[in-house]
N, C-alpha and C. Protein backbone atom coordinates (compact mmCIF):
# COMPACT_ATOMS: atom_id res chain seq x y z
N UNK A 1 0.94 -1.15 0.05
CA UNK A 1 -0.08 -0.02 -0.08
C UNK A 1 0.83 1.21 -0.03
N UNK A 2 0.41 2.33 -0.97
CA UNK A 2 1.19 3.58 -0.95
C UNK A 2 0.95 4.34 0.29
N UNK A 3 1.94 4.93 0.98
CA UNK A 3 1.79 6.13 2.10
C UNK A 3 1.81 7.44 1.52
N UNK A 4 2.24 7.49 0.26
CA UNK A 4 2.43 9.07 -0.28
C UNK A 4 1.14 9.67 -0.42
N UNK A 5 1.16 10.90 -0.78
CA UNK A 5 -0.27 11.50 -1.06
C UNK A 5 -0.91 10.91 -2.18
N UNK A 6 -2.30 10.55 -2.07
CA UNK A 6 -2.91 9.58 -3.06
C UNK A 6 -3.09 10.39 -4.26
N UNK A 7 -2.99 9.70 -5.70
CA UNK A 7 -3.12 10.15 -6.87
C UNK A 7 -4.50 9.60 -6.94
N UNK A 8 -5.47 10.48 -7.03
CA UNK A 8 -7.12 9.95 -7.00
C UNK A 8 -7.31 9.83 -8.44
N UNK A 9 -7.62 8.60 -8.95
CA UNK A 9 -8.21 8.38 -10.44
C UNK A 9 -9.55 9.05 -10.39
N UNK A 10 -9.89 9.35 -11.68
CA UNK A 10 -11.16 9.88 -12.11
C UNK A 10 -12.04 8.91 -12.26
N UNK A 11 -13.32 8.85 -12.12
CA UNK A 11 -14.46 8.34 -12.10
C UNK A 11 -15.40 8.84 -13.05
N UNK A 12 -16.21 8.06 -13.93
CA UNK A 12 -17.08 8.51 -14.92
C UNK A 12 -18.55 9.07 -14.05
N UNK A 13 -18.50 8.91 -12.77
CA UNK A 13 -19.73 9.16 -12.05
C UNK A 13 -19.45 9.01 -10.64
N UNK A 14 -20.05 9.69 -9.75
CA UNK A 14 -19.94 9.48 -8.28
C UNK A 14 -18.85 10.22 -7.77
N UNK A 15 -18.23 9.82 -6.58
CA UNK A 15 -17.19 10.73 -6.12
C UNK A 15 -16.19 9.48 -5.26
N UNK A 16 -14.88 9.85 -5.46
CA UNK A 16 -14.09 8.99 -4.93
C UNK A 16 -13.18 9.90 -3.71
N UNK A 17 -13.33 9.21 -2.76
CA UNK A 17 -12.53 9.90 -1.49
C UNK A 17 -11.42 9.20 -1.00
N UNK A 18 -10.18 9.74 -0.90
CA UNK A 18 -8.98 8.93 -0.54
C UNK A 18 -9.23 8.88 1.26
N UNK A 19 -8.71 7.79 1.66
CA UNK A 19 -8.84 7.65 3.22
C UNK A 19 -7.47 6.71 3.57
N UNK A 20 -7.20 7.22 4.64
CA UNK A 20 -5.68 6.59 5.06
C UNK A 20 -6.11 5.46 6.16
N UNK A 21 -5.73 4.31 5.86
CA UNK A 21 -5.59 3.05 6.95
C UNK A 21 -4.48 3.27 7.83
N UNK A 22 -5.07 3.46 9.05
CA UNK A 22 -3.90 3.65 10.06
C UNK A 22 -3.60 2.22 10.71
N UNK A 23 -2.57 2.17 11.69
CA UNK A 23 -2.20 0.78 12.32
C UNK A 23 -3.48 0.57 13.29
N UNK A 24 -4.20 1.48 13.60
CA UNK A 24 -5.21 1.03 14.72
C UNK A 24 -6.56 0.56 14.04
N UNK A 25 -6.54 0.64 12.62
CA UNK A 25 -7.46 0.00 11.75
C UNK A 25 -7.55 -1.24 11.70
N UNK A 26 -6.35 -1.92 11.97
CA UNK A 26 -5.96 -3.28 11.74
C UNK A 26 -6.32 -4.23 12.78
N UNK A 27 -6.78 -5.38 12.45
CA UNK A 27 -6.98 -6.72 13.52
C UNK A 27 -5.63 -7.29 13.73
N UNK A 28 -5.62 -8.34 14.37
CA UNK A 28 -4.39 -9.16 14.80
C UNK A 28 -3.70 -9.82 13.60
N UNK A 29 -4.36 -9.90 12.38
CA UNK A 29 -3.76 -10.35 11.24
C UNK A 29 -3.38 -9.59 10.18
N UNK A 30 -3.28 -8.22 10.88
CA UNK A 30 -2.58 -7.07 9.95
C UNK A 30 -3.72 -6.77 8.92
N UNK A 31 -4.98 -7.05 8.88
CA UNK A 31 -6.04 -6.65 7.91
C UNK A 31 -6.86 -5.58 8.56
N UNK A 32 -7.53 -4.96 7.59
CA UNK A 32 -8.33 -3.93 8.20
C UNK A 32 -9.51 -4.49 8.88
N UNK A 33 -10.01 -4.34 10.17
CA UNK A 33 -11.11 -4.88 10.86
C UNK A 33 -12.36 -4.76 10.09
N UNK A 34 -13.06 -5.78 10.37
CA UNK A 34 -14.44 -5.44 9.46
C UNK A 34 -15.20 -4.26 9.65
N UNK A 35 -15.32 -3.72 10.87
CA UNK A 35 -16.16 -2.78 11.31
C UNK A 35 -15.60 -1.21 10.77
N UNK A 36 -14.29 -1.41 10.66
CA UNK A 36 -13.65 -0.16 10.27
C UNK A 36 -14.26 0.40 8.66
N UNK A 37 -14.66 -0.78 8.03
CA UNK A 37 -15.09 -0.32 6.53
C UNK A 37 -16.27 0.50 6.85
N UNK A 38 -17.03 0.47 7.68
CA UNK A 38 -18.37 1.33 8.02
C UNK A 38 -17.69 2.65 8.26
N UNK A 39 -16.88 2.64 9.23
CA UNK A 39 -16.12 3.84 9.53
C UNK A 39 -15.63 4.79 8.45
N UNK A 40 -15.06 3.99 7.48
CA UNK A 40 -14.35 4.87 6.16
C UNK A 40 -15.58 5.26 5.44
N UNK A 41 -16.57 4.56 5.09
CA UNK A 41 -17.84 4.83 4.38
C UNK A 41 -18.34 6.25 5.12
N UNK A 42 -18.66 6.15 6.42
CA UNK A 42 -18.99 7.39 7.20
C UNK A 42 -17.94 8.66 7.00
N UNK A 43 -16.90 8.58 7.07
CA UNK A 43 -15.90 9.57 7.09
C UNK A 43 -15.96 9.94 5.57
N UNK A 44 -15.91 9.31 4.45
CA UNK A 44 -15.88 9.65 3.22
C UNK A 44 -17.42 10.55 3.03
N UNK A 45 -18.21 10.09 3.35
CA UNK A 45 -19.48 10.74 3.27
C UNK A 45 -19.60 11.94 3.99
N UNK A 46 -18.99 12.20 5.33
CA UNK A 46 -18.75 13.46 6.05
C UNK A 46 -17.85 14.37 5.17
N UNK A 47 -16.91 13.82 4.63
CA UNK A 47 -15.72 14.84 3.99
C UNK A 47 -16.40 15.17 2.76
N UNK A 48 -17.28 14.17 1.86
CA UNK A 48 -17.81 14.99 0.60
C UNK A 48 -18.81 16.11 1.07
N UNK A 49 -19.61 15.55 2.00
CA UNK A 49 -20.83 16.57 2.40
C UNK A 49 -20.11 18.02 2.89
N UNK A 50 -18.95 17.84 4.07
CA UNK A 50 -18.27 18.99 4.37
C UNK A 50 -17.86 20.04 3.39
N UNK A 51 -17.20 19.27 2.16
CA UNK A 51 -16.86 20.12 1.12
C UNK A 51 -17.95 20.61 0.58
N UNK A 52 -19.20 20.38 0.62
CA UNK A 52 -20.32 21.11 0.09
C UNK A 52 -21.13 22.14 0.84
N UNK A 53 -20.55 22.04 1.89
CA UNK A 53 -21.16 23.26 2.79
C UNK A 53 -21.92 22.52 3.94
N UNK A 54 -22.07 21.34 4.13
CA UNK A 54 -22.96 20.51 5.01
C UNK A 54 -22.25 19.80 5.97
N UNK A 55 -21.94 20.47 7.10
CA UNK A 55 -21.28 20.06 8.23
C UNK A 55 -21.81 20.37 9.66
N UNK A 56 -20.95 20.31 10.47
CA UNK A 56 -21.36 20.59 11.97
C UNK A 56 -20.38 21.48 12.84
N UNK A 57 -20.12 22.67 12.04
CA UNK A 57 -19.24 23.72 12.52
C UNK A 57 -19.73 24.00 14.17
N UNK A 58 -18.78 23.88 15.09
CA UNK A 58 -19.20 24.26 16.58
C UNK A 58 -20.29 23.54 17.10
N UNK A 59 -20.45 22.35 16.46
CA UNK A 59 -21.66 21.24 16.99
C UNK A 59 -22.99 21.80 16.34
N UNK A 60 -23.00 22.69 15.52
CA UNK A 60 -24.29 22.91 14.89
C UNK A 60 -24.30 22.79 13.23
N UNK A 61 -25.70 22.39 12.98
CA UNK A 61 -25.92 21.95 11.60
C UNK A 61 -25.47 23.41 10.50
N UNK A 62 -24.80 23.09 9.57
CA UNK A 62 -24.71 24.11 8.68
C UNK A 62 -25.62 24.41 7.55
N UNK A 63 -26.48 23.46 7.61
CA UNK A 63 -27.42 23.25 6.57
C UNK A 63 -28.71 22.13 7.16
N UNK A 64 -29.87 22.55 7.18
CA UNK A 64 -31.06 21.40 7.82
C UNK A 64 -30.90 20.16 7.24
N UNK A 65 -30.48 20.13 6.03
CA UNK A 65 -30.29 18.62 5.21
C UNK A 65 -29.26 17.85 5.78
N UNK A 66 -28.29 18.60 6.63
CA UNK A 66 -27.26 17.60 7.02
C UNK A 66 -27.81 16.78 8.26
N UNK A 67 -29.02 17.04 8.63
CA UNK A 67 -29.75 16.10 9.79
C UNK A 67 -30.24 14.81 9.08
N UNK A 68 -29.56 13.82 9.21
CA UNK A 68 -30.15 12.49 8.80
C UNK A 68 -29.90 11.29 9.57
N UNK A 69 -30.50 10.27 9.54
CA UNK A 69 -30.66 9.16 10.23
C UNK A 69 -30.32 8.08 9.23
N UNK A 70 -29.41 7.10 9.61
CA UNK A 70 -29.22 5.67 8.84
C UNK A 70 -30.37 4.88 8.96
N UNK A 71 -31.06 4.67 7.93
CA UNK A 71 -32.18 3.52 7.75
C UNK A 71 -31.74 2.08 7.51
N UNK A 72 -30.63 2.18 6.68
CA UNK A 72 -29.96 0.74 6.20
C UNK A 72 -28.65 0.88 6.09
N UNK A 73 -28.05 -0.32 6.43
CA UNK A 73 -26.31 -0.16 6.02
C UNK A 73 -25.99 -1.87 5.85
N UNK A 74 -25.72 -2.12 4.70
CA UNK A 74 -25.24 -3.42 4.28
C UNK A 74 -23.90 -3.34 3.72
N UNK A 75 -23.06 -4.31 3.83
CA UNK A 75 -21.81 -4.26 3.21
C UNK A 75 -21.36 -5.86 3.00
N UNK A 76 -20.61 -5.96 1.71
CA UNK A 76 -20.16 -7.37 1.61
C UNK A 76 -18.57 -7.19 1.30
N UNK A 77 -17.94 -8.06 1.94
CA UNK A 77 -16.44 -8.02 1.73
C UNK A 77 -15.87 -8.90 0.66
N UNK A 78 -15.00 -8.32 -0.13
CA UNK A 78 -14.46 -9.04 -1.36
C UNK A 78 -13.16 -9.81 -1.08
N UNK A 79 -12.38 -8.71 -0.70
CA UNK A 79 -10.85 -9.11 -0.46
C UNK A 79 -10.16 -8.12 0.48
N UNK A 80 -9.28 -8.63 1.77
CA UNK A 80 -8.99 -7.84 2.53
C UNK A 80 -8.07 -6.75 2.22
N UNK A 81 -8.24 -5.52 2.85
CA UNK A 81 -7.24 -4.59 2.92
C UNK A 81 -6.14 -5.02 3.95
N UNK A 82 -4.86 -5.11 3.26
CA UNK A 82 -3.69 -5.51 4.50
C UNK A 82 -2.84 -4.66 4.44
N UNK A 83 -2.47 -4.11 5.71
CA UNK A 83 -1.57 -3.12 6.25
C UNK A 83 -2.17 -1.66 6.15
N UNK A 84 -1.27 -0.53 6.33
CA UNK A 84 -1.62 0.93 6.32
C UNK A 84 -1.48 1.39 4.80
N UNK A 85 -1.81 2.59 4.79
CA UNK A 85 -1.70 3.24 3.55
C UNK A 85 -3.04 3.59 2.94
N UNK A 86 -2.99 4.40 1.62
CA UNK A 86 -4.09 4.95 1.34
C UNK A 86 -5.14 3.69 0.56
N UNK A 87 -6.46 4.14 0.66
CA UNK A 87 -7.34 3.44 0.06
C UNK A 87 -8.27 4.55 -0.40
N UNK A 88 -9.48 3.99 -1.28
CA UNK A 88 -10.59 5.04 -1.99
C UNK A 88 -11.93 4.57 -1.51
N UNK A 89 -12.77 5.40 -1.38
CA UNK A 89 -14.12 5.10 -0.98
C UNK A 89 -14.88 5.74 -2.31
N UNK A 90 -15.54 4.87 -3.04
CA UNK A 90 -16.19 5.15 -4.29
C UNK A 90 -17.97 5.58 -3.79
N UNK A 91 -18.34 6.62 -3.85
CA UNK A 91 -19.64 7.00 -3.41
C UNK A 91 -20.55 7.12 -4.76
N UNK A 92 -21.72 6.75 -4.60
CA UNK A 92 -22.54 6.66 -5.81
C UNK A 92 -24.08 6.88 -5.24
N UNK A 93 -24.81 7.87 -5.81
CA UNK A 93 -26.29 8.03 -5.36
C UNK A 93 -26.95 6.93 -6.29
N UNK A 94 -27.74 6.06 -6.01
CA UNK A 94 -28.57 5.37 -6.76
C UNK A 94 -29.94 5.69 -6.85
N UNK A 95 -30.42 6.44 -5.75
CA UNK A 95 -31.79 6.71 -5.90
C UNK A 95 -32.23 7.89 -4.88
N UNK A 96 -33.04 9.06 -5.24
CA UNK A 96 -33.11 10.14 -4.37
C UNK A 96 -34.77 10.23 -4.16
N UNK A 97 -35.19 9.91 -3.15
CA UNK A 97 -36.70 10.01 -2.73
C UNK A 97 -37.07 11.38 -2.07
N UNK A 98 -38.10 11.43 -1.83
CA UNK A 98 -38.76 12.72 -1.23
C UNK A 98 -37.85 13.23 -0.01
N UNK A 99 -37.86 12.02 0.94
CA UNK A 99 -36.99 12.44 1.96
C UNK A 99 -35.94 11.15 2.33
N UNK A 100 -35.54 10.58 1.32
CA UNK A 100 -34.56 9.46 1.40
C UNK A 100 -33.47 9.51 0.46
N UNK A 101 -32.37 8.80 0.45
CA UNK A 101 -31.34 8.77 -0.35
C UNK A 101 -30.59 7.21 -0.34
N UNK A 102 -30.39 6.66 -1.41
CA UNK A 102 -29.88 5.36 -1.39
C UNK A 102 -28.48 5.61 -1.88
N UNK A 103 -27.32 5.24 -1.24
CA UNK A 103 -25.97 5.20 -1.67
C UNK A 103 -25.62 3.78 -1.97
N UNK A 104 -24.85 3.79 -3.10
CA UNK A 104 -23.86 2.63 -3.19
C UNK A 104 -22.51 3.02 -2.72
N UNK A 105 -21.76 2.09 -2.44
CA UNK A 105 -20.41 2.49 -2.05
C UNK A 105 -19.32 1.06 -2.60
N UNK A 106 -18.28 1.56 -2.60
CA UNK A 106 -17.26 0.58 -2.92
C UNK A 106 -15.94 1.09 -2.20
N UNK A 107 -15.35 0.09 -1.47
CA UNK A 107 -13.86 0.58 -0.90
C UNK A 107 -13.01 -0.08 -1.74
N UNK A 108 -11.89 0.46 -2.32
CA UNK A 108 -11.15 0.23 -3.40
C UNK A 108 -9.71 0.34 -2.76
N UNK A 109 -8.72 -0.18 -3.64
CA UNK A 109 -7.19 0.22 -3.39
C UNK A 109 -6.84 1.47 -3.73
N UNK A 110 -5.75 1.94 -3.61
CA UNK A 110 -5.35 3.23 -3.86
C UNK A 110 -5.43 3.61 -5.46
N UNK A 111 -5.23 2.73 -6.23
CA UNK A 111 -5.09 2.85 -7.63
C UNK A 111 -6.71 2.58 -8.22
N UNK A 112 -7.70 2.45 -7.30
CA UNK A 112 -8.98 2.21 -7.74
C UNK A 112 -9.14 0.93 -8.67
N UNK A 113 -8.59 0.01 -8.49
CA UNK A 113 -8.87 -1.39 -9.37
C UNK A 113 -9.38 -2.49 -8.51
N UNK A 114 -8.75 -2.86 -7.32
CA UNK A 114 -9.34 -3.94 -6.44
C UNK A 114 -10.50 -3.38 -5.60
N UNK A 115 -11.60 -4.24 -5.55
CA UNK A 115 -12.76 -3.79 -4.77
C UNK A 115 -12.65 -4.54 -3.53
N UNK A 116 -12.46 -4.01 -2.56
CA UNK A 116 -12.32 -4.77 -1.09
C UNK A 116 -13.67 -5.01 -0.43
N UNK A 117 -14.69 -4.12 -0.84
CA UNK A 117 -15.90 -4.23 -0.12
C UNK A 117 -16.86 -3.32 -0.95
N UNK A 118 -18.20 -3.60 -0.90
CA UNK A 118 -19.04 -3.00 -1.51
C UNK A 118 -20.31 -3.05 -0.60
N UNK A 119 -21.33 -1.97 -0.78
CA UNK A 119 -22.54 -2.14 -0.26
C UNK A 119 -23.56 -1.15 -0.19
N UNK A 120 -24.35 -0.78 0.40
CA UNK A 120 -25.47 0.11 0.26
C UNK A 120 -25.79 0.73 1.59
N UNK A 121 -26.11 2.12 1.59
CA UNK A 121 -26.59 2.80 2.89
C UNK A 121 -27.69 3.86 2.38
N UNK A 122 -28.63 3.57 3.24
CA UNK A 122 -29.73 4.50 3.18
C UNK A 122 -29.98 5.58 4.15
N UNK A 123 -29.95 6.70 3.76
CA UNK A 123 -30.40 7.84 4.69
C UNK A 123 -31.54 8.51 4.55
N UNK A 124 -32.15 8.86 5.63
CA UNK A 124 -33.53 9.58 5.53
C UNK A 124 -33.10 10.96 6.37
N UNK A 125 -33.78 11.94 5.72
CA UNK A 125 -33.49 13.34 6.05
C UNK A 125 -34.65 13.48 7.26
N UNK A 126 -33.97 13.95 8.40
CA UNK A 126 -35.08 14.14 9.60
C UNK A 126 -34.99 15.73 10.04
N UNK A 127 -36.11 16.18 10.12
CA UNK A 127 -36.20 17.76 10.38
C UNK A 127 -35.57 17.76 11.46
N UNK A 128 -34.54 18.67 11.78
CA UNK A 128 -33.59 18.98 12.95
C UNK A 128 -34.40 19.27 14.02
N UNK A 129 -35.63 19.83 14.21
CA UNK A 129 -36.50 20.15 15.15
C UNK A 129 -37.29 18.82 15.70
N UNK A 130 -38.10 18.30 14.98
CA UNK A 130 -38.81 17.16 15.04
C UNK A 130 -38.48 16.01 14.92
N UNK A 131 -37.39 15.82 14.26
CA UNK A 131 -36.73 14.28 13.82
C UNK A 131 -37.74 13.46 13.35
N UNK A 132 -38.57 14.12 12.46
CA UNK A 132 -39.58 13.38 11.60
C UNK A 132 -39.01 13.43 10.15
N UNK A 133 -39.34 12.71 9.17
CA UNK A 133 -39.02 12.56 7.77
C UNK A 133 -39.44 14.06 7.30
N UNK A 134 -38.44 14.62 6.58
CA UNK A 134 -38.65 15.68 5.82
C UNK A 134 -38.12 15.73 4.51
N UNK A 135 -38.81 16.79 3.60
CA UNK A 135 -38.04 16.54 2.17
C UNK A 135 -36.94 17.09 2.01
N UNK A 136 -35.93 16.74 1.08
CA UNK A 136 -34.65 17.29 0.76
C UNK A 136 -35.03 18.79 0.09
N UNK A 137 -34.13 19.64 0.40
CA UNK A 137 -34.01 21.08 -0.27
C UNK A 137 -33.65 20.71 -1.71
N UNK A 138 -33.91 21.66 -2.71
CA UNK A 138 -33.70 21.50 -3.85
C UNK A 138 -32.16 21.61 -4.08
N UNK A 139 -31.38 22.47 -3.40
CA UNK A 139 -29.95 22.49 -3.52
C UNK A 139 -29.29 21.05 -2.94
N UNK A 140 -29.94 20.52 -2.07
CA UNK A 140 -29.42 19.32 -1.86
C UNK A 140 -29.59 18.22 -2.81
N UNK A 141 -30.69 18.09 -3.47
CA UNK A 141 -31.06 17.40 -4.50
C UNK A 141 -30.11 17.44 -5.82
N UNK A 142 -29.56 18.70 -5.93
CA UNK A 142 -28.70 19.06 -7.09
C UNK A 142 -27.47 18.35 -6.77
N UNK A 143 -27.12 18.60 -5.45
CA UNK A 143 -25.67 17.84 -5.05
C UNK A 143 -25.83 16.19 -5.41
N UNK A 144 -26.84 15.83 -4.81
CA UNK A 144 -27.42 14.32 -4.89
C UNK A 144 -27.03 13.82 -6.55
N UNK A 145 -27.53 14.69 -7.35
CA UNK A 145 -27.32 14.40 -8.99
C UNK A 145 -25.98 14.46 -9.19
N UNK A 146 -25.19 14.98 -8.72
CA UNK A 146 -23.69 14.96 -9.21
C UNK A 146 -23.03 13.52 -8.96
N UNK A 147 -23.84 12.95 -7.93
CA UNK A 147 -23.26 11.67 -7.45
C UNK A 147 -24.09 10.40 -8.46
N UNK A 148 -24.89 10.77 -9.16
CA UNK A 148 -25.53 9.51 -9.90
C UNK A 148 -24.99 9.37 -11.12
N UNK A 149 -25.31 7.97 -11.49
CA UNK A 149 -24.73 7.54 -12.86
C UNK A 149 -25.53 8.22 -14.04
N UNK A 150 -25.06 8.81 -15.03
CA UNK A 150 -25.68 9.54 -15.89
C UNK A 150 -26.58 8.50 -16.65
N UNK A 151 -27.76 8.93 -17.00
CA UNK A 151 -28.71 8.08 -17.95
C UNK A 151 -28.82 8.43 -19.13
């Protein structure tokens, strides 16, 4: 695994987020521990949305649509990540509903070739005051479109 600054390959759709695998991400066999894949996906999503102005500066929402709950998360492991260094998380939006979004993701090697894991994650937009499902804002829908496969 390469420990230099990653050269992020281009993708025809979605978003690739480089992540660094640290020693404490590994299990006793020097492979990334299974639960850490979910953390990488969470961090990749956080970094993507933060770069689009949706974050939690000073513990407050920067945009109401940053208030989400995870309704579903599934992952299939393909081949282990061994050791430390950079990996990539490929984020794709499969479907945007009125108050939900379905992500597909792949955890890839630093070159974007080997698929280490892949899965699905569903978010529900929750009104930050009532915690009830609430429709996405149009500007949020526009960002989701940037992650969708062209049709």
